[in-house]
C-alpha atoms as a PDB file:
ATOM      1  CA  MET A   1     -19.188  -5.102 -18.561  1.00  0.00           C
ATOM      2  CA  ALA A   2     -21.762  -4.444 -15.879  1.00  0.00           C
ATOM      3  CA  LEU A   3     -21.263  -6.927 -13.091  1.00  0.00           C
ATOM      4  CA  ASP A   4     -24.548  -8.241 -11.795  1.00  0.00           C
ATOM      5  CA  LEU A   5     -26.000 -11.509 -10.557  1.00  0.00           C
ATOM      6  CA  GLU A   6     -27.033 -12.600 -14.061  1.00  0.00           C
ATOM      7  CA  THR A   7     -23.479 -12.155 -15.354  1.00  0.00           C
ATOM      8  CA  LEU A   8     -22.144 -14.322 -12.531  1.00  0.00           C
ATOM      9  CA  LYS A   9     -24.812 -16.969 -13.162  1.00  0.00           C
ATOM     10  CA  THR A  10     -23.992 -16.979 -16.878  1.00  0.00           C
ATOM     11  CA  SER A  11     -20.303 -17.514 -16.121  1.00  0.00           C
ATOM     12  CA  LEU A  12     -21.233 -20.496 -13.952  1.00  0.00           C
ATOM     13  CA  ARG A  13     -23.794 -21.763 -16.499  1.00  0.00           C
ATOM     14  CA  LEU A  14     -26.574 -21.680 -13.896  1.00  0.00           C
ATOM     15  CA  ASP A  15     -30.289 -21.456 -14.606  1.00  0.00           C
ATOM     16  CA  GLY A  16     -32.984 -20.781 -12.081  1.00  0.00           C
ATOM     17  CA  ASN A  17     -32.782 -18.813  -8.886  1.00  0.00           C
ATOM     18  CA  ALA A  18     -32.304 -21.445  -6.175  1.00  0.00           C
ATOM     19  CA  ASP A  19     -28.801 -20.195  -5.325  1.00  0.00           C
ATOM     20  CA  ASP A  20     -29.317 -16.460  -5.916  1.00  0.00           C
ATOM     21  CA  THR A  21     -28.912 -15.497  -2.252  1.00  0.00           C
ATOM     22  CA  LEU A  22     -25.756 -17.578  -1.966  1.00  0.00           C
ATOM     23  CA  LEU A  23     -24.329 -16.154  -5.197  1.00  0.00           C
ATOM     24  CA  THR A  24     -25.105 -12.581  -4.148  1.00  0.00           C
ATOM     25  CA  GLY A  25     -23.167 -13.148  -0.933  1.00  0.00           C
ATOM     26  CA  TYR A  26     -20.225 -14.660  -2.821  1.00  0.00           C
ATOM     27  CA  GLN A  27     -20.221 -11.753  -5.260  1.00  0.00           C
ATOM     28  CA  SER A  28     -20.237  -9.232  -2.422  1.00  0.00           C
ATOM     29  CA  ALA A  29     -17.403 -11.063  -0.654  1.00  0.00           C
ATOM     30  CA  ALA A  30     -15.392 -11.219  -3.887  1.00  0.00           C
ATOM     31  CA  GLU A  31     -15.889  -7.492  -4.535  1.00  0.00           C
ATOM     32  CA  SER A  32     -14.689  -6.673  -1.019  1.00  0.00           C
ATOM     33  CA  TYR A  33     -11.715  -9.016  -1.356  1.00  0.00           C
ATOM     34  CA  VAL A  34     -10.548  -7.495  -4.640  1.00  0.00           C
ATOM     35  CA  LYS A  35     -10.990  -3.912  -3.439  1.00  0.00           C
ATOM     36  CA  ASN A  36      -9.132  -4.620  -0.191  1.00  0.00           C
ATOM     37  CA  ALA A  37      -6.359  -6.456  -2.050  1.00  0.00           C
ATOM     38  CA  VAL A  38      -5.887  -3.504  -4.405  1.00  0.00           C
ATOM     39  CA  GLY A  39      -6.128  -1.047  -1.537  1.00  0.00           C
ATOM     40  CA  THR A  40      -9.029   1.183  -2.433  1.00  0.00           C
ATOM     41  CA  ASP A  41     -12.766   1.517  -2.742  1.00  0.00           C
ATOM     42  CA  ASP A  42     -12.475   4.576  -5.021  1.00  0.00           C
ATOM     43  CA  GLY A  43     -15.354   4.448  -7.522  1.00  0.00           C
ATOM     44  CA  LYS A  44     -13.526   6.701  -9.995  1.00  0.00           C
ATOM     45  CA  PHE A  45     -10.639   4.228 -10.172  1.00  0.00           C
ATOM     46  CA  TYR A  46     -12.861   1.214 -10.870  1.00  0.00           C
ATOM     47  CA  ALA A  47     -14.897   3.140 -13.472  1.00  0.00           C
ATOM     48  CA  GLN A  48     -11.854   3.649 -15.739  1.00  0.00           C
ATOM     49  CA  ASP A  49     -11.955   1.830 -19.082  1.00  0.00           C
ATOM     50  CA  ALA A  50      -8.665   0.032 -18.390  1.00  0.00           C
ATOM     51  CA  VAL A  51      -9.739  -1.056 -14.896  1.00  0.00           C
ATOM     52  CA  SER A  52     -13.424  -1.992 -15.094  1.00  0.00           C
ATOM     53  CA  PRO A  53     -13.050  -5.188 -17.181  1.00  0.00           C
ATOM     54  CA  LEU A  54     -10.148  -6.427 -15.043  1.00  0.00           C
ATOM     55  CA  TYR A  55     -12.099  -5.801 -11.855  1.00  0.00           C
ATOM     56  CA  ASP A  56     -15.188  -7.574 -13.215  1.00  0.00           C
ATOM     57  CA  VAL A  57     -13.218 -10.648 -14.322  1.00  0.00           C
ATOM     58  CA  ALA A  58     -11.416 -10.866 -10.966  1.00  0.00           C
ATOM     59  CA  VAL A  59     -14.717 -10.680  -9.076  1.00  0.00           C
ATOM     60  CA  ILE A  60     -16.352 -13.275 -11.342  1.00  0.00           C
ATOM     61  CA  ALA A  61     -13.371 -15.635 -11.019  1.00  0.00           C
ATOM     62  CA  LEU A  62     -13.258 -15.311  -7.250  1.00  0.00           C
ATOM     63  CA  ALA A  63     -17.033 -15.546  -6.701  1.00  0.00           C
ATOM     64  CA  SER A  64     -17.157 -18.555  -9.038  1.00  0.00           C
ATOM     65  CA  GLY A  65     -14.438 -20.209  -6.988  1.00  0.00           C
ATOM     66  CA  TYR A  66     -16.346 -19.530  -3.784  1.00  0.00           C
ATOM     67  CA  TYR A  67     -19.426 -21.165  -5.320  1.00  0.00           C
ATOM     68  CA  THR A  68     -17.679 -24.108  -6.952  1.00  0.00           C
ATOM     69  CA  PHE A  69     -15.455 -25.011  -3.993  1.00  0.00           C
ATOM     70  CA  ARG A  70     -17.826 -24.161  -1.152  1.00  0.00           C
ATOM     71  CA  THR A  71     -17.404 -27.357   0.819  1.00  0.00           C
ATOM     72  CA  ALA A  72     -14.543 -27.855   3.227  1.00  0.00           C
ATOM     73  CA  LEU A  73     -14.853 -31.652   3.164  1.00  0.00           C
ATOM     74  CA  SER A  74     -13.585 -33.707   0.276  1.00  0.00           C
ATOM     75  CA  LEU A  75     -12.263 -37.196  -0.343  1.00  0.00           C
ATOM     76  CA  VAL A  76      -9.537 -35.760  -2.543  1.00  0.00           C
ATOM     77  CA  GLU A  77      -6.906 -33.312  -1.360  1.00  0.00           C
ATOM     78  CA  SER A  78      -6.922 -30.097  -3.327  1.00  0.00           C
ATOM     79  CA  TYR A  79      -4.504 -27.210  -3.589  1.00  0.00           C
ATOM     80  CA  PRO A  80      -6.349 -23.964  -4.207  1.00  0.00           C
ATOM     81  CA  ILE A  81      -4.496 -21.690  -6.595  1.00  0.00           C
ATOM     82  CA  ASP A  82      -6.423 -18.769  -7.974  1.00  0.00           C
ATOM     83  CA  LEU A  83      -4.190 -17.688 -10.854  1.00  0.00           C
ATOM     84  CA  PRO A  84      -6.671 -15.417 -12.665  1.00  0.00           C
ATOM     85  CA  THR A  85      -7.556 -13.468  -9.538  1.00  0.00           C
ATOM     86  CA  ASN A  86      -3.972 -13.189  -8.298  1.00  0.00           C
ATOM     87  CA  SER A  87      -2.625 -12.001 -11.646  1.00  0.00           C
ATOM     88  CA  ILE A  88      -5.437  -9.490 -12.158  1.00  0.00           C
ATOM     89  CA  ILE A  89      -5.051  -8.096  -8.632  1.00  0.00           C
ATOM     90  CA  GLY A  90      -1.365  -7.542  -9.429  1.00  0.00           C
ATOM     91  CA  GLN A  91      -2.334  -5.614 -12.559  1.00  0.00           C
ATOM     92  CA  LEU A  92      -4.928  -3.579 -10.659  1.00  0.00           C
ATOM     93  CA  ARG A  93      -2.359  -2.672  -8.001  1.00  0.00           C
ATOM     94  CA  GLY A  94      -0.065  -1.321 -10.702  1.00  0.00           C
ATOM     95  CA  LEU A  95      -2.889   0.633 -12.310  1.00  0.00           C
ATOM     96  CA  TYR A  96      -3.892   1.986  -8.898  1.00  0.00           C
ATOM     97  CA  ALA A  97      -0.335   3.188  -8.247  1.00  0.00           C
ATOM     98  CA  ASP A  98      -0.405   4.978 -11.618  1.00  0.00           C
ATOM     99  CA  TYR A  99      -3.822   6.430 -10.774  1.00  0.00           C
ATOM    100  CA  LEU A 100      -2.544   7.750  -7.439  1.00  0.00           C
ATOM    101  CA  ALA A 101       0.516   9.237  -9.134  1.00  0.00           C
ATOM    102  CA  GLU A 102      -1.702  11.052 -11.637  1.00  0.00           C
ATOM    103  CA  GLN A 103      -3.780  12.391  -8.739  1.00  0.00           C
ATOM    104  CA  GLY A 104      -0.623  13.582  -6.974  1.00  0.00           C
ATOM    105  CA  ALA A 105      -1.331  11.226  -4.097  1.00  0.00           C
ATOM    106  CA  PHE A 106       1.567   8.772  -4.450  1.00  0.00           C
ATOM    107  CA  ASP A 107       5.194   9.651  -3.824  1.00  0.00           C
ATOM    108  CA  GLY A 108       6.623   6.328  -5.003  1.00  0.00           C
ATOM    109  CA  ASN A 109       6.836   4.865  -1.529  1.00  0.00           C
ATOM    110  CA  GLN A 110       3.616   5.599   0.284  1.00  0.00           C
ATOM    111  CA  SER A 111       0.087   6.579  -0.650  1.00  0.00           C
ATOM    112  CA  THR A 112      -1.091   9.836   0.823  1.00  0.00           C
ATOM    113  CA  GLY A 113      -4.700   9.216  -0.206  1.00  0.00           C
ATOM    114  CA  VAL A 114      -6.772  10.589  -3.054  1.00  0.00           C
ATOM    115  CA  GLN A 115      -8.552  13.856  -2.318  1.00  0.00           C
END
């Protein structure tokens, strides 16, 4: 799945372009969050067939949450729990560890970086 603004808008069931700038910012923030949580910005890792769909879903879920719950004021107390994003980030971390091991850049305890 190619992650773009239209995909995010479709997931939110949004028409029009009134919030495009806002959504683009949320998508960018979500992409950075997921990459930092996994621990890499390695394009080869995210291009893998087993990784790309997970990454896209995590970014869509997180960006959608940013859009849906963008106000800090509410009459009702809420408890934010982002189960899809948290579970997918856990899977991506495992896949990234395997990826590093295949590259010879992970000794089981510490990443030495992908060359």
